[in-house]
Amino acid sequence: MGKSRSTFLENFECPTITSLFFTAVRSHTTMAKAAALSLFLLLLSFISGGTLKMVNGEKTWCVAKPSSDQATLLANINYACSQVDCRVLQRGCPCFSPDNLMNHASIAMNLYYQSRGRNHWNCYFQNSAVIVMTDPSYGSCTYA
C-alpha cells in the first residue's frame, strides 16, 4: 500500500535549483546530442562569420520581461515546467515567494534556459524574456 498524503507531505523536501539544473542536464545530454550540438555550433559559427561567443564570457540568466502580460507569463510557466522540474516553485519551497506570475515565470524560464545550455534562442519565449548578466537570486532562492 502506498504512502498516505500526510506522510508524503511530512517527508517532502524542496529541491534546490542547482540540483534541478544538474538533473535536467544529465537527462537531456547524450553523446549523439552533444555531437549534433557541436556540429550545429560549428556551422553557426561559420555562418555568423566566427562571431559566436558568450556574453563577455560571463554567466547569464533568463528572466521574464516586465512588460509581459499575464497570459504570456502563464503560458511560459506551463511550457517551461513541462520540460524541466519546477518543484522549487511549490508552496513552502525557497522560490515560491513572492507568489506572482512574474516571479514564477522568471524562475521557470531560467530553469529551462540553463538546462538547454544558455543559448539565446532558449530565452526567447515569444519575445517575453530577456537575458541578464546580473544574478537575479534573492533570499534563499538561488538561480542556477
Protein backbone atom coordinates (compact mmCIF):
# COMPACT_ATOMS: atom_id res chain seq x y z
CA MET A 1 0.00 0.00 0.00
CA GLY A 2 1.30 3.49 -0.89
CA LYS A 3 2.19 6.33 1.43
CA SER A 4 -0.65 8.36 2.82
CA ARG A 5 -0.90 12.01 1.82
CA SER A 6 0.11 13.22 5.30
CA THR A 7 3.22 11.01 5.30
CA PHE A 8 4.22 12.31 1.89
CA LEU A 9 3.82 15.94 2.97
CA GLU A 10 5.75 15.37 6.19
CA ASN A 11 8.68 13.92 4.23
CA PHE A 12 8.52 16.39 1.35
CA GLU A 13 11.76 18.26 0.69
CA CYS A 14 12.13 21.15 -1.69
CA PRO A 15 14.83 20.61 -4.29
CA THR A 16 17.42 23.29 -4.93
CA ILE A 17 17.54 25.00 -8.31
CA THR A 18 21.12 23.77 -8.70
CA SER A 19 20.10 20.13 -8.16
CA LEU A 20 17.25 20.55 -10.66
CA PHE A 21 19.66 22.07 -13.20
CA PHE A 22 22.13 19.20 -12.98
CA THR A 23 19.32 16.62 -13.12
CA ALA A 24 17.92 18.29 -16.25
CA VAL A 25 21.34 18.48 -17.88
CA ARG A 26 22.04 14.80 -17.17
CA SER A 27 18.64 13.77 -18.53
CA HIS A 28 19.00 15.79 -21.73
CA THR A 29 22.63 15.16 -22.56
CA THR A 30 23.73 12.19 -24.64
CA MET A 31 26.70 11.64 -26.88
CA ALA A 32 24.54 11.98 -30.00
CA LYS A 33 23.00 15.23 -28.81
CA ALA A 34 26.41 16.61 -27.85
CA ALA A 35 27.81 15.73 -31.26
CA ALA A 36 24.82 17.28 -33.05
CA LEU A 37 25.08 20.42 -30.91
CA SER A 38 28.81 20.71 -31.61
CA LEU A 39 28.21 20.40 -35.33
CA PHE A 40 25.39 22.95 -35.18
CA LEU A 41 27.53 25.45 -33.23
CA LEU A 42 30.42 24.97 -35.65
CA LEU A 43 28.13 25.62 -38.62
CA LEU A 44 26.56 28.59 -36.87
CA SER A 45 30.00 29.99 -36.17
CA PHE A 46 30.92 29.78 -39.86
CA ILE A 47 27.61 31.32 -40.94
CA SER A 48 27.92 34.17 -38.44
CA GLY A 49 31.47 34.96 -39.53
CA GLY A 50 33.01 33.33 -36.47
CA THR A 51 31.49 35.82 -34.02
CA LEU A 52 29.66 33.26 -31.86
CA LYS A 53 30.65 33.74 -28.20
CA MET A 54 29.28 34.04 -24.68
CA VAL A 55 28.33 37.45 -23.36
CA ASN A 56 31.80 38.60 -22.29
CA GLY A 57 32.43 35.03 -21.07
CA GLU A 58 30.16 35.65 -18.06
CA LYS A 59 27.26 33.64 -16.70
CA THR A 60 23.82 34.73 -17.87
CA TRP A 61 20.25 34.20 -16.72
CA CYS A 62 16.90 34.32 -18.48
CA VAL A 63 14.06 36.28 -16.87
CA ALA A 64 10.62 37.49 -17.90
CA LYS A 65 10.34 40.95 -19.38
CA PRO A 66 8.43 43.27 -17.03
CA SER A 67 6.19 44.26 -19.97
CA SER A 68 4.94 40.67 -20.43
CA ASP A 69 1.21 40.14 -19.99
CA GLN A 70 -0.23 37.64 -17.50
CA ALA A 71 -1.44 35.17 -20.17
CA THR A 72 2.03 35.01 -21.73
CA LEU A 73 3.71 34.52 -18.35
CA LEU A 74 1.33 31.68 -17.53
CA ALA A 75 1.96 30.06 -20.92
CA ASN A 76 5.72 30.36 -20.31
CA ILE A 77 5.41 28.69 -16.90
CA ASN A 78 3.32 25.87 -18.36
CA TYR A 79 5.74 25.29 -21.23
CA ALA A 80 8.96 25.52 -19.20
CA CYS A 81 7.61 23.34 -16.40
CA SER A 82 6.51 20.71 -18.92
CA GLN A 83 10.19 20.48 -19.93
CA VAL A 84 12.04 20.91 -16.61
CA ASP A 85 11.37 20.20 -12.93
CA CYS A 86 9.77 23.28 -11.36
CA ARG A 87 9.21 21.93 -7.85
CA VAL A 88 11.18 24.88 -6.40
CA LEU A 89 8.08 26.97 -7.15
CA GLN A 90 5.82 24.92 -4.88
CA ARG A 91 4.38 26.47 -1.72
CA GLY A 92 6.94 26.16 1.08
CA CYS A 93 9.93 25.98 -1.26
CA PRO A 94 12.58 28.73 -1.48
CA CYS A 95 11.35 30.26 -4.74
CA PHE A 96 7.60 30.25 -4.07
CA SER A 97 7.58 33.80 -2.66
CA PRO A 98 6.76 36.25 -3.95
CA ASP A 99 3.80 34.28 -5.27
CA ASN A 100 3.18 36.05 -8.58
CA LEU A 101 3.38 35.17 -12.25
CA MET A 102 6.38 37.42 -12.97
CA ASN A 103 8.50 35.73 -10.31
CA HIS A 104 7.39 32.18 -11.11
CA ALA A 105 7.77 32.69 -14.88
CA SER A 106 11.29 34.10 -14.46
CA ILE A 107 12.39 31.11 -12.40
CA ALA A 108 10.75 28.55 -14.72
CA MET A 109 12.12 30.24 -17.84
CA ASN A 110 15.61 30.38 -16.33
CA LEU A 111 15.48 26.70 -15.36
CA TYR A 112 14.63 25.90 -18.99
CA TYR A 113 17.31 28.26 -20.35
CA GLN A 114 20.02 26.85 -18.07
CA SER A 115 19.08 23.21 -18.77
CA ARG A 116 19.26 23.78 -22.52
CA GLY A 117 22.75 25.26 -22.49
CA ARG A 118 22.15 29.02 -22.06
CA ASN A 119 21.62 29.67 -25.76
CA HIS A 120 19.90 32.93 -26.66
CA TRP A 121 17.23 31.00 -28.58
CA ASN A 122 16.31 29.16 -25.36
CA CYS A 123 15.36 32.50 -23.81
CA TYR A 124 13.01 33.81 -26.43
CA PHE A 125 9.58 32.72 -25.15
CA GLN A 126 7.72 34.63 -27.88
CA ASN A 127 9.81 37.73 -27.14
CA SER A 128 8.69 37.85 -23.49
CA ALA A 129 12.11 37.11 -21.97
CA VAL A 130 15.42 38.86 -21.64
CA ILE A 131 18.94 37.60 -20.90
CA VAL A 132 20.57 39.34 -17.95
CA MET A 133 24.12 39.38 -16.64
CA THR A 134 23.17 40.24 -13.05
CA ASP A 135 22.30 37.28 -10.83
CA PRO A 136 18.56 37.53 -10.07
CA SER A 137 18.81 35.33 -6.96
CA TYR A 138 17.09 36.64 -3.84
CA GLY A 139 16.80 35.49 -0.23
CA SER A 140 17.08 31.70 -0.18
CA CYS A 141 16.05 31.41 -3.85
CA THR A 142 19.28 30.84 -5.74
CA TYR A 143 19.04 30.90 -9.53
CA ALA A 144 21.16 28.21 -11.21
